[in-house]
């Protein structure tokens, strides 16, 4: 095991410095994408751990390519980086080089809308699985970002409801695993 970041891993906003890093993902080349939450950016590190570049404007914002409290990242098989842009209640999509592509979702309770999204995983077929914490559900999108279905949510029978789902992960068999803050009432 080794620590990656600025010397002595001091918090900060410089290259290789982090403030509340959260989600981490890797592309096929082994580059690491770290959601640098309080710096409102994603830092990309080479396989060696050396800094490569930043995704996002590096300042809080809601415009194209700007992030607000990103909490997770995931890279699909096509090389697109999905950033859970929690403060903006959306997903922001970039190329691995940091070029902004599009957003998915917005704030709200309807299908395809978010209230405090937290984590994302991508299936081997590039379906997006997103924990939508304050809507008490997990949402599933096709590879183009079109809403498909919800798991949990208030409209489901009690035994299928979730309470503030936070973590999501997918396995190679297509199963989805969800962690939540507390059991549904």
C-alpha atoms as a PDB file:
ATOM      1  CA  UNK A   1       0.000   0.000   0.000  1.00  0.00           C
ATOM      2  CA  UNK A   2       1.161   3.533  -0.712  1.00  0.00           C
ATOM      3  CA  UNK A   3      -0.238   6.998  -0.152  1.00  0.00           C
ATOM      4  CA  UNK A   4      -0.815   9.151  -3.203  1.00  0.00           C
ATOM      5  CA  UNK A   5      -1.015  12.917  -3.092  1.00  0.00           C
ATOM      6  CA  UNK A   6       1.108  15.894  -2.227  1.00  0.00           C
ATOM      7  CA  UNK A   7       4.151  15.370   0.000  1.00  0.00           C
ATOM      8  CA  UNK A   8       3.029  14.313   3.465  1.00  0.00           C
ATOM      9  CA  UNK A   9      -0.557  14.157   2.086  1.00  0.00           C
ATOM     10  CA  UNK A  10      -1.429  17.602   3.388  1.00  0.00           C
ATOM     11  CA  UNK A  11      -4.911  18.898   2.565  1.00  0.00           C
ATOM     12  CA  UNK A  12      -5.006  21.765   0.131  1.00  0.00           C
ATOM     13  CA  UNK A  13      -6.063  22.959  -3.290  1.00  0.00           C
ATOM     14  CA  UNK A  14      -2.790  22.652  -5.206  1.00  0.00           C
ATOM     15  CA  UNK A  15      -1.830  19.981  -7.708  1.00  0.00           C
ATOM     16  CA  UNK A  16      -1.970  16.598  -5.988  1.00  0.00           C
ATOM     17  CA  UNK A  17      -3.511  18.103  -2.845  1.00  0.00           C
ATOM     18  CA  UNK A  18      -7.009  17.092  -1.815  1.00  0.00           C
ATOM     19  CA  UNK A  19      -9.840  18.364   0.371  1.00  0.00           C
ATOM     20  CA  UNK A  20     -12.173  15.550   1.344  1.00  0.00           C
ATOM     21  CA  UNK A  21     -11.409  13.107  -1.482  1.00  0.00           C
ATOM     22  CA  UNK A  22     -14.207  10.579  -1.850  1.00  0.00           C
ATOM     23  CA  UNK A  23     -14.835   8.384  -4.894  1.00  0.00           C
ATOM     24  CA  UNK A  24     -12.059   6.757  -6.908  1.00  0.00           C
ATOM     25  CA  UNK A  25     -12.204   4.937 -10.235  1.00  0.00           C
ATOM     26  CA  UNK A  26      -9.761   3.732 -12.884  1.00  0.00           C
ATOM     27  CA  UNK A  27      -9.732   3.651 -16.664  1.00  0.00           C
ATOM     28  CA  UNK A  28      -8.396   0.765 -18.796  1.00  0.00           C
ATOM     29  CA  UNK A  29      -4.907   2.305 -18.771  1.00  0.00           C
ATOM     30  CA  UNK A  30      -4.763   2.391 -14.973  1.00  0.00           C
ATOM     31  CA  UNK A  31      -5.230   6.157 -14.602  1.00  0.00           C
ATOM     32  CA  UNK A  32      -6.937   7.092 -11.342  1.00  0.00           C
ATOM     33  CA  UNK A  33      -9.877   9.543 -11.172  1.00  0.00           C
ATOM     34  CA  UNK A  34     -10.395  10.986  -7.686  1.00  0.00           C
ATOM     35  CA  UNK A  35     -13.439  13.060  -6.691  1.00  0.00           C
ATOM     36  CA  UNK A  36     -11.767  15.936  -4.835  1.00  0.00           C
ATOM     37  CA  UNK A  37     -15.016  16.965  -3.174  1.00  0.00           C
ATOM     38  CA  UNK A  38     -14.285  20.221  -1.375  1.00  0.00           C
ATOM     39  CA  UNK A  39     -12.045  21.456  -4.211  1.00  0.00           C
ATOM     40  CA  UNK A  40     -14.958  20.930  -6.647  1.00  0.00           C
ATOM     41  CA  UNK A  41     -12.892  18.969  -9.133  1.00  0.00           C
ATOM     42  CA  UNK A  42     -11.676  15.545 -10.161  1.00  0.00           C
ATOM     43  CA  UNK A  43      -7.939  14.965 -10.093  1.00  0.00           C
ATOM     44  CA  UNK A  44      -6.512  12.492 -12.579  1.00  0.00           C
ATOM     45  CA  UNK A  45      -3.360  10.642 -11.580  1.00  0.00           C
ATOM     46  CA  UNK A  46      -1.250   8.454 -13.839  1.00  0.00           C
ATOM     47  CA  UNK A  47      -0.761   4.783 -13.053  1.00  0.00           C
ATOM     48  CA  UNK A  48       2.518   5.769 -11.371  1.00  0.00           C
ATOM     49  CA  UNK A  49       0.600   8.073  -8.994  1.00  0.00           C
ATOM     50  CA  UNK A  50       1.956  11.215 -10.677  1.00  0.00           C
ATOM     51  CA  UNK A  51      -0.517  14.066 -11.273  1.00  0.00           C
ATOM     52  CA  UNK A  52      -1.874  14.214 -14.852  1.00  0.00           C
ATOM     53  CA  UNK A  53      -4.670  16.789 -15.082  1.00  0.00           C
ATOM     54  CA  UNK A  54      -7.873  18.154 -13.570  1.00  0.00           C
ATOM     55  CA  UNK A  55     -11.436  17.526 -14.688  1.00  0.00           C
ATOM     56  CA  UNK A  56     -13.830  20.368 -13.956  1.00  0.00           C
ATOM     57  CA  UNK A  57     -13.190  24.072 -13.538  1.00  0.00           C
ATOM     58  CA  UNK A  58     -11.597  23.668 -10.098  1.00  0.00           C
ATOM     59  CA  UNK A  59     -14.073  26.094  -8.569  1.00  0.00           C
ATOM     60  CA  UNK A  60     -17.645  25.566  -7.477  1.00  0.00           C
ATOM     61  CA  UNK A  61     -20.219  26.227 -10.155  1.00  0.00           C
ATOM     62  CA  UNK A  62     -23.257  24.937 -12.013  1.00  0.00           C
ATOM     63  CA  UNK A  63     -22.322  25.771 -15.603  1.00  0.00           C
ATOM     64  CA  UNK A  64     -21.149  23.344 -18.281  1.00  0.00           C
ATOM     65  CA  UNK A  65     -18.069  21.543 -17.004  1.00  0.00           C
ATOM     66  CA  UNK A  66     -18.328  23.056 -13.523  1.00  0.00           C
ATOM     67  CA  UNK A  67     -18.773  20.869 -10.450  1.00  0.00           C
ATOM     68  CA  UNK A  68     -20.171  21.321  -6.957  1.00  0.00           C
ATOM     69  CA  UNK A  69     -19.106  18.812  -4.306  1.00  0.00           C
ATOM     70  CA  UNK A  70     -18.380  15.827  -6.565  1.00  0.00           C
ATOM     71  CA  UNK A  71     -18.598  12.614  -4.533  1.00  0.00           C
ATOM     72  CA  UNK A  72     -17.781   9.794  -6.939  1.00  0.00           C
ATOM     73  CA  UNK A  73     -16.422   8.911 -10.361  1.00  0.00           C
ATOM     74  CA  UNK A  74     -16.773   5.994 -12.765  1.00  0.00           C
ATOM     75  CA  UNK A  75     -15.260   5.314 -16.170  1.00  0.00           C
ATOM     76  CA  UNK A  76     -17.168   3.309 -18.796  1.00  0.00           C
ATOM     77  CA  UNK A  77     -15.697   1.004 -21.428  1.00  0.00           C
ATOM     78  CA  UNK A  78     -15.937   3.781 -24.037  1.00  0.00           C
ATOM     79  CA  UNK A  79     -13.663   6.062 -22.004  1.00  0.00           C
ATOM     80  CA  UNK A  80     -16.251   8.477 -20.646  1.00  0.00           C
ATOM     81  CA  UNK A  81     -15.854   9.685 -17.062  1.00  0.00           C
ATOM     82  CA  UNK A  82     -19.088  10.047 -15.068  1.00  0.00           C
ATOM     83  CA  UNK A  83     -18.859  12.390 -12.096  1.00  0.00           C
ATOM     84  CA  UNK A  84     -21.514  12.360  -9.384  1.00  0.00           C
ATOM     85  CA  UNK A  85     -21.974  16.124  -9.131  1.00  0.00           C
ATOM     86  CA  UNK A  86     -23.820  16.036  -5.802  1.00  0.00           C
ATOM     87  CA  UNK A  87     -24.075  19.772  -5.186  1.00  0.00           C
ATOM     88  CA  UNK A  88     -25.700  20.252  -8.598  1.00  0.00           C
ATOM     89  CA  UNK A  89     -27.902  17.124  -8.290  1.00  0.00           C
ATOM     90  CA  UNK A  90     -26.712  15.662 -11.585  1.00  0.00           C
ATOM     91  CA  UNK A  91     -24.118  13.536 -13.306  1.00  0.00           C
ATOM     92  CA  UNK A  92     -21.505  15.386 -15.332  1.00  0.00           C
ATOM     93  CA  UNK A  93     -19.882  13.473 -18.178  1.00  0.00           C
ATOM     94  CA  UNK A  94     -16.363  14.164 -19.479  1.00  0.00           C
ATOM     95  CA  UNK A  95     -13.780  12.516 -21.700  1.00  0.00           C
ATOM     96  CA  UNK A  96     -10.820  11.026 -19.852  1.00  0.00           C
ATOM     97  CA  UNK A  97      -8.844  14.101 -20.949  1.00  0.00           C
ATOM     98  CA  UNK A  98     -11.346  16.377 -19.183  1.00  0.00           C
ATOM     99  CA  UNK A  99     -13.446  17.689 -22.072  1.00  0.00           C
ATOM    100  CA  UNK A 100     -17.032  18.297 -20.938  1.00  0.00           C
ATOM    101  CA  UNK A 101     -19.594  16.162 -22.834  1.00  0.00           C
ATOM    102  CA  UNK A 102     -23.007  16.549 -21.166  1.00  0.00           C
ATOM    103  CA  UNK A 103     -24.997  16.326 -17.949  1.00  0.00           C
ATOM    104  CA  UNK A 104     -27.578  13.756 -16.912  1.00  0.00           C
ATOM    105  CA  UNK A 105     -30.427  14.686 -14.590  1.00  0.00           C
ATOM    106  CA  UNK A 106     -31.258  17.718 -12.515  1.00  0.00           C
ATOM    107  CA  UNK A 107     -32.671  18.468  -9.076  1.00  0.00           C
ATOM    108  CA  UNK A 108     -36.060  16.940  -8.335  1.00  0.00           C
ATOM    109  CA  UNK A 109     -38.078  13.875  -7.400  1.00  0.00           C
ATOM    110  CA  UNK A 110     -39.239  12.705 -10.845  1.00  0.00           C
ATOM    111  CA  UNK A 111     -37.665   9.834 -12.763  1.00  0.00           C
ATOM    112  CA  UNK A 112     -34.167  10.798 -13.878  1.00  0.00           C
ATOM    113  CA  UNK A 113     -33.945  13.628 -11.337  1.00  0.00           C
ATOM    114  CA  UNK A 114     -31.792  13.624  -8.207  1.00  0.00           C
ATOM    115  CA  UNK A 115     -31.675  14.879  -4.653  1.00  0.00           C
ATOM    116  CA  UNK A 116     -28.177  14.376  -3.260  1.00  0.00           C
ATOM    117  CA  UNK A 117     -26.801  11.666  -5.562  1.00  0.00           C
ATOM    118  CA  UNK A 118     -23.801  10.037  -3.876  1.00  0.00           C
ATOM    119  CA  UNK A 119     -22.238   7.092  -5.722  1.00  0.00           C
ATOM    120  CA  UNK A 120     -22.196   5.497  -9.161  1.00  0.00           C
ATOM    121  CA  UNK A 121     -21.195   2.195 -10.676  1.00  0.00           C
ATOM    122  CA  UNK A 122     -21.236   1.151 -14.298  1.00  0.00           C
ATOM    123  CA  UNK A 123     -22.124  -2.361 -15.421  1.00  0.00           C
ATOM    124  CA  UNK A 124     -20.056  -4.246 -17.987  1.00  0.00           C
ATOM    125  CA  UNK A 125     -22.700  -3.189 -20.554  1.00  0.00           C
ATOM    126  CA  UNK A 126     -22.272   0.504 -19.584  1.00  0.00           C
ATOM    127  CA  UNK A 127     -25.559   0.873 -17.689  1.00  0.00           C
ATOM    128  CA  UNK A 128     -25.300   3.570 -15.027  1.00  0.00           C
ATOM    129  CA  UNK A 129     -26.388   2.757 -11.465  1.00  0.00           C
ATOM    130  CA  UNK A 130     -26.672   5.847  -9.219  1.00  0.00           C
ATOM    131  CA  UNK A 131     -27.546   6.140  -5.528  1.00  0.00           C
ATOM    132  CA  UNK A 132     -30.068   8.976  -5.167  1.00  0.00           C
ATOM    133  CA  UNK A 133     -29.791   9.371  -1.415  1.00  0.00           C
ATOM    134  CA  UNK A 134     -32.411  11.965  -0.474  1.00  0.00           C
ATOM    135  CA  UNK A 135     -34.979  10.408  -2.839  1.00  0.00           C
ATOM    136  CA  UNK A 136     -34.374   7.060  -1.044  1.00  0.00           C
ATOM    137  CA  UNK A 137     -33.731   5.178  -4.269  1.00  0.00           C
ATOM    138  CA  UNK A 138     -31.223   3.923  -6.790  1.00  0.00           C
ATOM    139  CA  UNK A 139     -31.740   4.928 -10.406  1.00  0.00           C
ATOM    140  CA  UNK A 140     -30.676   2.997 -13.482  1.00  0.00           C
ATOM    141  CA  UNK A 141     -29.828   4.653 -16.816  1.00  0.00           C
ATOM    142  CA  UNK A 142     -28.923   3.200 -20.205  1.00  0.00           C
ATOM    143  CA  UNK A 143     -25.481   3.900 -21.722  1.00  0.00           C
ATOM    144  CA  UNK A 144     -26.815   7.090 -23.346  1.00  0.00           C
ATOM    145  CA  UNK A 145     -28.045   8.435 -20.000  1.00  0.00           C
ATOM    146  CA  UNK A 146     -31.749   7.724 -20.543  1.00  0.00           C
ATOM    147  CA  UNK A 147     -33.669   6.809 -17.380  1.00  0.00           C
ATOM    148  CA  UNK A 148     -34.759   3.149 -17.269  1.00  0.00           C
ATOM    149  CA  UNK A 149     -35.980   2.262 -13.779  1.00  0.00           C
ATOM    150  CA  UNK A 150     -35.834   2.869 -10.058  1.00  0.00           C
ATOM    151  CA  UNK A 151     -34.941   0.510  -7.228  1.00  0.00           C
ATOM    152  CA  UNK A 152     -36.409   1.548  -3.895  1.00  0.00           C
ATOM    153  CA  UNK A 153     -38.297   4.800  -3.639  1.00  0.00           C
ATOM    154  CA  UNK A 154     -41.444   5.687  -1.760  1.00  0.00           C
ATOM    155  CA  UNK A 155     -43.829   4.135  -4.295  1.00  0.00           C
ATOM    156  CA  UNK A 156     -42.587   0.583  -3.722  1.00  0.00           C
ATOM    157  CA  UNK A 157     -43.831  -1.896  -1.111  1.00  0.00           C
ATOM    158  CA  UNK A 158     -42.142  -1.412   2.251  1.00  0.00           C
ATOM    159  CA  UNK A 159     -39.874  -4.463   1.855  1.00  0.00           C
ATOM    160  CA  UNK A 160     -38.373  -2.893  -1.306  1.00  0.00           C
ATOM    161  CA  UNK A 161     -37.854   0.618   0.043  1.00  0.00           C
ATOM    162  CA  UNK A 162     -34.456   2.121   0.789  1.00  0.00           C
ATOM    163  CA  UNK A 163     -33.448   4.724   3.355  1.00  0.00           C
ATOM    164  CA  UNK A 164     -30.766   7.121   2.145  1.00  0.00           C
ATOM    165  CA  UNK A 165     -28.808   4.724  -0.066  1.00  0.00           C
ATOM    166  CA  UNK A 166     -25.203   5.817  -0.270  1.00  0.00           C
ATOM    167  CA  UNK A 167     -22.942   3.185  -1.790  1.00  0.00           C
ATOM    168  CA  UNK A 168     -23.616   1.182  -4.940  1.00  0.00           C
ATOM    169  CA  UNK A 169     -21.459  -1.342  -6.721  1.00  0.00           C
ATOM    170  CA  UNK A 170     -21.999  -3.825  -9.529  1.00  0.00           C
ATOM    171  CA  UNK A 171     -20.448  -7.255  -9.902  1.00  0.00           C
ATOM    172  CA  UNK A 172     -19.491  -9.148 -13.059  1.00  0.00           C
ATOM    173  CA  UNK A 173     -22.767 -11.109 -12.930  1.00  0.00           C
ATOM    174  CA  UNK A 174     -24.900  -7.971 -13.204  1.00  0.00           C
ATOM    175  CA  UNK A 175     -25.949  -7.870  -9.554  1.00  0.00           C
ATOM    176  CA  UNK A 176     -26.240  -4.500  -7.826  1.00  0.00           C
ATOM    177  CA  UNK A 177     -25.248  -4.028  -4.179  1.00  0.00           C
ATOM    178  CA  UNK A 178     -26.501  -1.055  -2.176  1.00  0.00           C
ATOM    179  CA  UNK A 179     -25.495   0.295   1.220  1.00  0.00           C
ATOM    180  CA  UNK A 180     -27.730   2.673   3.128  1.00  0.00           C
ATOM    181  CA  UNK A 181     -27.431   4.813   6.254  1.00  0.00           C
ATOM    182  CA  UNK A 182     -30.218   3.052   8.084  1.00  0.00           C
ATOM    183  CA  UNK A 183     -32.861   0.427   7.379  1.00  0.00           C
ATOM    184  CA  UNK A 184     -36.141   1.602   5.881  1.00  0.00           C
ATOM    185  CA  UNK A 185     -38.796   2.134   8.575  1.00  0.00           C
END
